[in-house]
Amino acid sequence: MERYLHLLSRGDKIGLTLIRLSIAIVFMWIGLLKFVPYEADSITPFVANSPLMSFFYEHPEDYKQYLTHEGEYKPEARAWQTANNTYGFSNGLGVVEVIIALLVLANPVNRWLGLF
């Protein structure tokens, strides 16, 4: 019984580790998806309408006529997205999200890295 209670008392450390791992998996998954064109296309309205991020695009006001649905391929829309720097911004955002995942995973190695 005492051994069982001792195991339960350490449950907070196991839970915290599982939470960190879950957060890292989600950030890694979402970050890696940013390198796929359909995911980059889907964030276009959010970036184009943002007052803080729209400057990353060449022509944010024209995005509505070049929207594509998931799995849909339109060569003219893909060409506009490429010229508009949609994929460059999406790749940069993906790198940031993957770095966040790696920093969360680095917590057991170096607690200061895990804080960032």
N, C-alpha and C. Protein backbone atom coordinates (compact mmCIF):
# COMPACT_ATOMS: atom_id res chain seq x y z
N MET A 1 0.82 -1.19 0.00
CA MET A 1 0.00 0.00 0.00
C MET A 1 0.87 1.26 0.00
N GLU A 2 1.93 1.22 0.79
CA GLU A 2 2.80 2.39 0.87
C GLU A 2 3.49 2.65 -0.48
N ARG A 3 3.85 1.58 -1.15
CA ARG A 3 4.48 1.72 -2.47
C ARG A 3 3.50 2.35 -3.47
N TYR A 4 2.26 1.95 -3.39
CA TYR A 4 1.23 2.49 -4.28
C TYR A 4 1.02 3.98 -4.01
N LEU A 5 0.98 4.37 -2.75
CA LEU A 5 0.82 5.78 -2.41
C LEU A 5 2.04 6.60 -2.85
N HIS A 6 3.21 6.01 -2.73
CA HIS A 6 4.42 6.70 -3.18
C HIS A 6 4.37 6.92 -4.70
N LEU A 7 3.90 5.93 -5.43
CA LEU A 7 3.77 6.06 -6.89
C LEU A 7 2.76 7.14 -7.25
N LEU A 8 1.65 7.18 -6.53
CA LEU A 8 0.64 8.22 -6.78
C LEU A 8 1.16 9.61 -6.45
N SER A 9 2.00 9.71 -5.44
CA SER A 9 2.53 11.02 -5.06
C SER A 9 3.47 11.59 -6.12
N ARG A 10 4.02 10.74 -6.95
CA ARG A 10 4.90 11.20 -8.03
C ARG A 10 4.13 11.44 -9.33
N GLY A 11 2.83 11.30 -9.28
CA GLY A 11 2.01 11.46 -10.48
C GLY A 11 2.07 12.84 -11.09
N ASP A 12 2.35 13.85 -10.29
CA ASP A 12 2.42 15.20 -10.84
C ASP A 12 3.58 15.34 -11.83
N LYS A 13 4.69 14.69 -11.55
CA LYS A 13 5.83 14.76 -12.47
C LYS A 13 5.53 14.03 -13.77
N ILE A 14 4.85 12.90 -13.66
CA ILE A 14 4.48 12.16 -14.86
C ILE A 14 3.48 12.97 -15.68
N GLY A 15 2.51 13.57 -14.99
CA GLY A 15 1.51 14.39 -15.68
C GLY A 15 2.12 15.59 -16.37
N LEU A 16 3.05 16.25 -15.70
CA LEU A 16 3.72 17.41 -16.29
C LEU A 16 4.53 17.01 -17.52
N THR A 17 5.18 15.88 -17.44
CA THR A 17 5.95 15.38 -18.59
C THR A 17 5.03 15.06 -19.76
N LEU A 18 3.89 14.45 -19.47
CA LEU A 18 2.93 14.13 -20.54
C LEU A 18 2.34 15.39 -21.16
N ILE A 19 2.10 16.41 -20.35
CA ILE A 19 1.59 17.68 -20.88
C ILE A 19 2.63 18.33 -21.79
N ARG A 20 3.88 18.35 -21.36
CA ARG A 20 4.95 18.92 -22.20
C ARG A 20 5.07 18.16 -23.52
N LEU A 21 5.02 16.85 -23.43
CA LEU A 21 5.12 16.03 -24.64
C LEU A 21 3.94 16.29 -25.57
N SER A 22 2.75 16.42 -25.03
CA SER A 22 1.57 16.69 -25.85
C SER A 22 1.67 18.04 -26.54
N ILE A 23 2.10 19.06 -25.81
CA ILE A 23 2.25 20.39 -26.40
C ILE A 23 3.30 20.37 -27.50
N ALA A 24 4.40 19.68 -27.26
CA ALA A 24 5.46 19.60 -28.27
C ALA A 24 4.98 18.88 -29.52
N ILE A 25 4.22 17.80 -29.35
CA ILE A 25 3.70 17.06 -30.51
C ILE A 25 2.78 17.94 -31.34
N VAL A 26 1.90 18.68 -30.67
CA VAL A 26 0.96 19.54 -31.40
C VAL A 26 1.70 20.65 -32.14
N PHE A 27 2.66 21.30 -31.49
CA PHE A 27 3.42 22.36 -32.16
C PHE A 27 4.23 21.80 -33.33
N MET A 28 4.83 20.63 -33.14
CA MET A 28 5.61 20.01 -34.21
C MET A 28 4.71 19.67 -35.40
N TRP A 29 3.56 19.10 -35.11
CA TRP A 29 2.62 18.71 -36.16
C TRP A 29 2.15 19.93 -36.95
N ILE A 30 1.69 20.96 -36.25
CA ILE A 30 1.20 22.16 -36.92
C ILE A 30 2.34 22.86 -37.65
N GLY A 31 3.52 22.91 -37.04
CA GLY A 31 4.66 23.55 -37.68
C GLY A 31 5.09 22.85 -38.96
N LEU A 32 5.11 21.52 -38.94
CA LEU A 32 5.50 20.78 -40.15
C LEU A 32 4.44 20.90 -41.24
N LEU A 33 3.18 21.06 -40.86
CA LEU A 33 2.13 21.24 -41.87
C LEU A 33 2.28 22.57 -42.62
N LYS A 34 2.92 23.54 -42.00
CA LYS A 34 3.10 24.84 -42.66
C LYS A 34 3.98 24.75 -43.91
N PHE A 35 4.70 23.64 -44.08
CA PHE A 35 5.54 23.46 -45.26
C PHE A 35 4.77 22.82 -46.42
N VAL A 36 3.51 22.48 -46.21
CA VAL A 36 2.67 21.87 -47.24
C VAL A 36 1.82 22.98 -47.87
N PRO A 37 1.76 23.07 -49.21
CA PRO A 37 1.06 24.19 -49.85
C PRO A 37 -0.40 24.38 -49.43
N TYR A 38 -1.16 23.30 -49.23
CA TYR A 38 -2.57 23.51 -48.88
C TYR A 38 -2.72 24.16 -47.52
N GLU A 39 -1.82 23.89 -46.60
CA GLU A 39 -1.87 24.53 -45.28
C GLU A 39 -1.46 26.00 -45.41
N ALA A 40 -0.47 26.27 -46.23
CA ALA A 40 -0.05 27.65 -46.45
C ALA A 40 -1.17 28.45 -47.10
N ASP A 41 -1.88 27.83 -48.04
CA ASP A 41 -3.01 28.51 -48.68
C ASP A 41 -4.11 28.82 -47.67
N SER A 42 -4.31 27.95 -46.70
CA SER A 42 -5.42 28.13 -45.77
C SER A 42 -5.17 29.23 -44.74
N ILE A 43 -3.93 29.63 -44.51
CA ILE A 43 -3.68 30.72 -43.56
C ILE A 43 -3.65 32.08 -44.24
N THR A 44 -3.79 32.10 -45.56
CA THR A 44 -3.73 33.36 -46.32
C THR A 44 -4.71 34.41 -45.81
N PRO A 45 -6.01 34.09 -45.58
CA PRO A 45 -6.93 35.14 -45.11
C PRO A 45 -6.53 35.71 -43.75
N PHE A 46 -6.01 34.88 -42.87
CA PHE A 46 -5.63 35.36 -41.54
C PHE A 46 -4.44 36.33 -41.62
N VAL A 47 -3.49 36.01 -42.45
CA VAL A 47 -2.31 36.86 -42.59
C VAL A 47 -2.66 38.13 -43.36
N ALA A 48 -3.43 38.00 -44.43
CA ALA A 48 -3.77 39.15 -45.27
C ALA A 48 -4.61 40.18 -44.52
N ASN A 49 -5.45 39.74 -43.60
CA ASN A 49 -6.32 40.67 -42.86
C ASN A 49 -5.72 41.14 -41.54
N SER A 50 -4.56 40.65 -41.19
CA SER A 50 -3.95 41.03 -39.93
C SER A 50 -3.18 42.34 -40.08
N PRO A 51 -3.41 43.31 -39.21
CA PRO A 51 -2.64 44.55 -39.29
C PRO A 51 -1.18 44.36 -38.92
N LEU A 52 -0.87 43.28 -38.20
CA LEU A 52 0.51 43.03 -37.78
C LEU A 52 1.29 42.16 -38.75
N MET A 53 0.60 41.41 -39.62
CA MET A 53 1.31 40.47 -40.49
C MET A 53 1.10 40.72 -41.98
N SER A 54 0.17 41.56 -42.36
CA SER A 54 -0.14 41.71 -43.78
C SER A 54 1.03 42.27 -44.59
N PHE A 55 1.96 42.93 -43.94
CA PHE A 55 3.11 43.48 -44.68
C PHE A 55 4.03 42.39 -45.22
N PHE A 56 3.88 41.15 -44.75
CA PHE A 56 4.68 40.05 -45.29
C PHE A 56 4.27 39.69 -46.72
N TYR A 57 3.05 40.02 -47.09
CA TYR A 57 2.53 39.69 -48.43
C TYR A 57 2.75 40.87 -49.38
N GLU A 58 2.94 40.55 -50.65
CA GLU A 58 3.11 41.59 -51.66
C GLU A 58 1.79 42.33 -51.92
N HIS A 59 0.70 41.57 -52.08
CA HIS A 59 -0.62 42.15 -52.39
C HIS A 59 -1.69 41.51 -51.51
N PRO A 60 -1.75 41.87 -50.24
CA PRO A 60 -2.70 41.20 -49.34
C PRO A 60 -4.16 41.47 -49.68
N GLU A 61 -4.44 42.58 -50.34
CA GLU A 61 -5.83 42.93 -50.64
C GLU A 61 -6.44 42.06 -51.75
N ASP A 62 -5.63 41.36 -52.52
CA ASP A 62 -6.12 40.55 -53.64
C ASP A 62 -6.35 39.08 -53.29
N TYR A 63 -6.25 38.72 -52.03
CA TYR A 63 -6.23 37.29 -51.68
C TYR A 63 -7.55 36.58 -51.98
N LYS A 64 -8.70 37.26 -51.92
CA LYS A 64 -10.00 36.59 -52.05
C LYS A 64 -10.18 35.89 -53.38
N GLN A 65 -9.70 36.47 -54.44
CA GLN A 65 -9.89 35.85 -55.76
C GLN A 65 -8.95 34.67 -56.01
N TYR A 66 -8.00 34.45 -55.12
CA TYR A 66 -7.04 33.35 -55.30
C TYR A 66 -7.13 32.29 -54.20
N LEU A 67 -8.23 32.29 -53.46
CA LEU A 67 -8.41 31.29 -52.41
C LEU A 67 -8.66 29.91 -53.01
N THR A 68 -8.13 28.90 -52.38
CA THR A 68 -8.40 27.52 -52.79
C THR A 68 -8.91 26.75 -51.57
N HIS A 69 -9.73 25.75 -51.84
CA HIS A 69 -10.21 24.88 -50.77
C HIS A 69 -9.21 23.75 -50.58
N GLU A 70 -9.31 23.11 -49.44
CA GLU A 70 -8.37 22.03 -49.12
C GLU A 70 -8.43 20.93 -50.18
N GLY A 71 -7.26 20.59 -50.71
CA GLY A 71 -7.17 19.54 -51.72
C GLY A 71 -7.41 20.03 -53.14
N GLU A 72 -7.81 21.27 -53.30
CA GLU A 72 -8.09 21.83 -54.62
C GLU A 72 -6.80 22.41 -55.21
N TYR A 73 -6.59 22.16 -56.49
CA TYR A 73 -5.39 22.69 -57.15
C TYR A 73 -5.80 23.60 -58.29
N LYS A 74 -5.43 24.85 -58.19
CA LYS A 74 -5.65 25.84 -59.25
C LYS A 74 -4.29 26.43 -59.59
N PRO A 75 -3.79 26.17 -60.79
CA PRO A 75 -2.44 26.66 -61.14
C PRO A 75 -2.30 28.18 -61.03
N GLU A 76 -3.35 28.93 -61.42
CA GLU A 76 -3.23 30.39 -61.35
C GLU A 76 -3.21 30.87 -59.90
N ALA A 77 -3.96 30.21 -59.03
CA ALA A 77 -3.94 30.57 -57.61
C ALA A 77 -2.59 30.21 -56.99
N ARG A 78 -2.04 29.07 -57.38
CA ARG A 78 -0.73 28.65 -56.85
C ARG A 78 0.35 29.63 -57.30
N ALA A 79 0.27 30.09 -58.54
CA ALA A 79 1.25 31.06 -59.04
C ALA A 79 1.14 32.38 -58.27
N TRP A 80 -0.10 32.81 -58.00
CA TRP A 80 -0.28 34.05 -57.24
C TRP A 80 0.25 33.89 -55.82
N GLN A 81 -0.04 32.75 -55.20
CA GLN A 81 0.43 32.51 -53.83
C GLN A 81 1.97 32.53 -53.78
N THR A 82 2.59 31.96 -54.80
CA THR A 82 4.06 31.95 -54.85
C THR A 82 4.60 33.37 -55.00
N ALA A 83 4.02 34.13 -55.93
CA ALA A 83 4.47 35.50 -56.16
C ALA A 83 4.16 36.41 -54.98
N ASN A 84 3.14 36.09 -54.22
CA ASN A 84 2.70 36.91 -53.10
C ASN A 84 3.48 36.63 -51.81
N ASN A 85 4.39 35.70 -51.84
CA ASN A 85 5.21 35.31 -50.69
C ASN A 85 4.42 34.55 -49.63
N THR A 86 3.33 33.91 -50.04
CA THR A 86 2.54 33.11 -49.10
C THR A 86 3.36 31.95 -48.55
N TYR A 87 4.08 31.26 -49.43
CA TYR A 87 4.83 30.08 -49.01
C TYR A 87 6.07 30.45 -48.20
N GLY A 88 6.67 31.58 -48.51
CA GLY A 88 7.81 32.04 -47.72
C GLY A 88 7.40 32.36 -46.29
N PHE A 89 6.28 33.07 -46.15
CA PHE A 89 5.78 33.38 -44.80
C PHE A 89 5.39 32.12 -44.06
N SER A 90 4.71 31.21 -44.75
CA SER A 90 4.28 29.97 -44.12
C SER A 90 5.47 29.12 -43.68
N ASN A 91 6.51 29.07 -44.50
CA ASN A 91 7.71 28.33 -44.11
C ASN A 91 8.37 28.94 -42.88
N GLY A 92 8.42 30.27 -42.84
CA GLY A 92 8.99 30.94 -41.67
C GLY A 92 8.18 30.67 -40.41
N LEU A 93 6.87 30.70 -40.54
CA LEU A 93 6.01 30.41 -39.40
C LEU A 93 6.17 28.95 -38.95
N GLY A 94 6.33 28.06 -39.92
CA GLY A 94 6.56 26.65 -39.60
C GLY A 94 7.86 26.46 -38.84
N VAL A 95 8.90 27.18 -39.24
CA VAL A 95 10.19 27.09 -38.53
C VAL A 95 10.03 27.56 -37.09
N VAL A 96 9.32 28.65 -36.88
CA VAL A 96 9.11 29.17 -35.52
C VAL A 96 8.36 28.15 -34.67
N GLU A 97 7.33 27.52 -35.24
CA GLU A 97 6.54 26.55 -34.47
C GLU A 97 7.35 25.29 -34.16
N VAL A 98 8.19 24.85 -35.08
CA VAL A 98 9.04 23.68 -34.82
C VAL A 98 10.08 24.02 -33.74
N ILE A 99 10.61 25.24 -33.76
CA ILE A 99 11.57 25.66 -32.73
C ILE A 99 10.89 25.68 -31.36
N ILE A 100 9.64 26.16 -31.30
CA ILE A 100 8.90 26.14 -30.04
C ILE A 100 8.76 24.71 -29.53
N ALA A 101 8.42 23.79 -30.43
CA ALA A 101 8.29 22.38 -30.03
C ALA A 101 9.61 21.83 -29.50
N LEU A 102 10.70 22.16 -30.16
CA LEU A 102 12.01 21.67 -29.71
C LEU A 102 12.41 22.27 -28.37
N LEU A 103 12.06 23.54 -28.15
CA LEU A 103 12.37 24.16 -26.87
C LEU A 103 11.55 23.53 -25.74
N VAL A 104 10.30 23.21 -26.02
CA VAL A 104 9.48 22.53 -25.01
C VAL A 104 10.07 21.17 -24.69
N LEU A 105 10.53 20.46 -25.71
CA LEU A 105 11.15 19.15 -25.49
C LEU A 105 12.51 19.25 -24.80
N ALA A 106 13.16 20.40 -24.91
CA ALA A 106 14.49 20.59 -24.31
C ALA A 106 14.43 20.83 -22.81
N ASN A 107 13.26 20.97 -22.25
CA ASN A 107 13.14 21.27 -20.82
C ASN A 107 13.85 20.27 -19.92
N PRO A 108 13.76 18.96 -20.12
CA PRO A 108 14.48 18.04 -19.23
C PRO A 108 16.01 18.18 -19.34
N VAL A 109 16.50 18.60 -20.49
CA VAL A 109 17.95 18.74 -20.69
C VAL A 109 18.44 20.04 -20.07
N ASN A 110 17.73 21.12 -20.33
CA ASN A 110 18.12 22.44 -19.83
C ASN A 110 16.85 23.22 -19.51
N ARG A 111 16.61 23.46 -18.26
CA ARG A 111 15.36 24.12 -17.86
C ARG A 111 15.24 25.54 -18.40
N TRP A 112 16.36 26.23 -18.61
CA TRP A 112 16.30 27.59 -19.15
C TRP A 112 15.82 27.58 -20.59
N LEU A 113 16.25 26.59 -21.37
CA LEU A 113 15.75 26.49 -22.74
C LEU A 113 14.26 26.20 -22.76
N GLY A 114 13.81 25.38 -21.84
CA GLY A 114 12.40 25.02 -21.77
C GLY A 114 11.50 26.17 -21.37
N LEU A 115 12.05 27.21 -20.78
CA LEU A 115 11.25 28.37 -20.39
C LEU A 115 10.89 29.25 -21.57
N PHE A 116 11.69 29.24 -22.61
CA PHE A 116 11.46 30.13 -23.74
C PHE A 116 10.42 29.63 -24.67
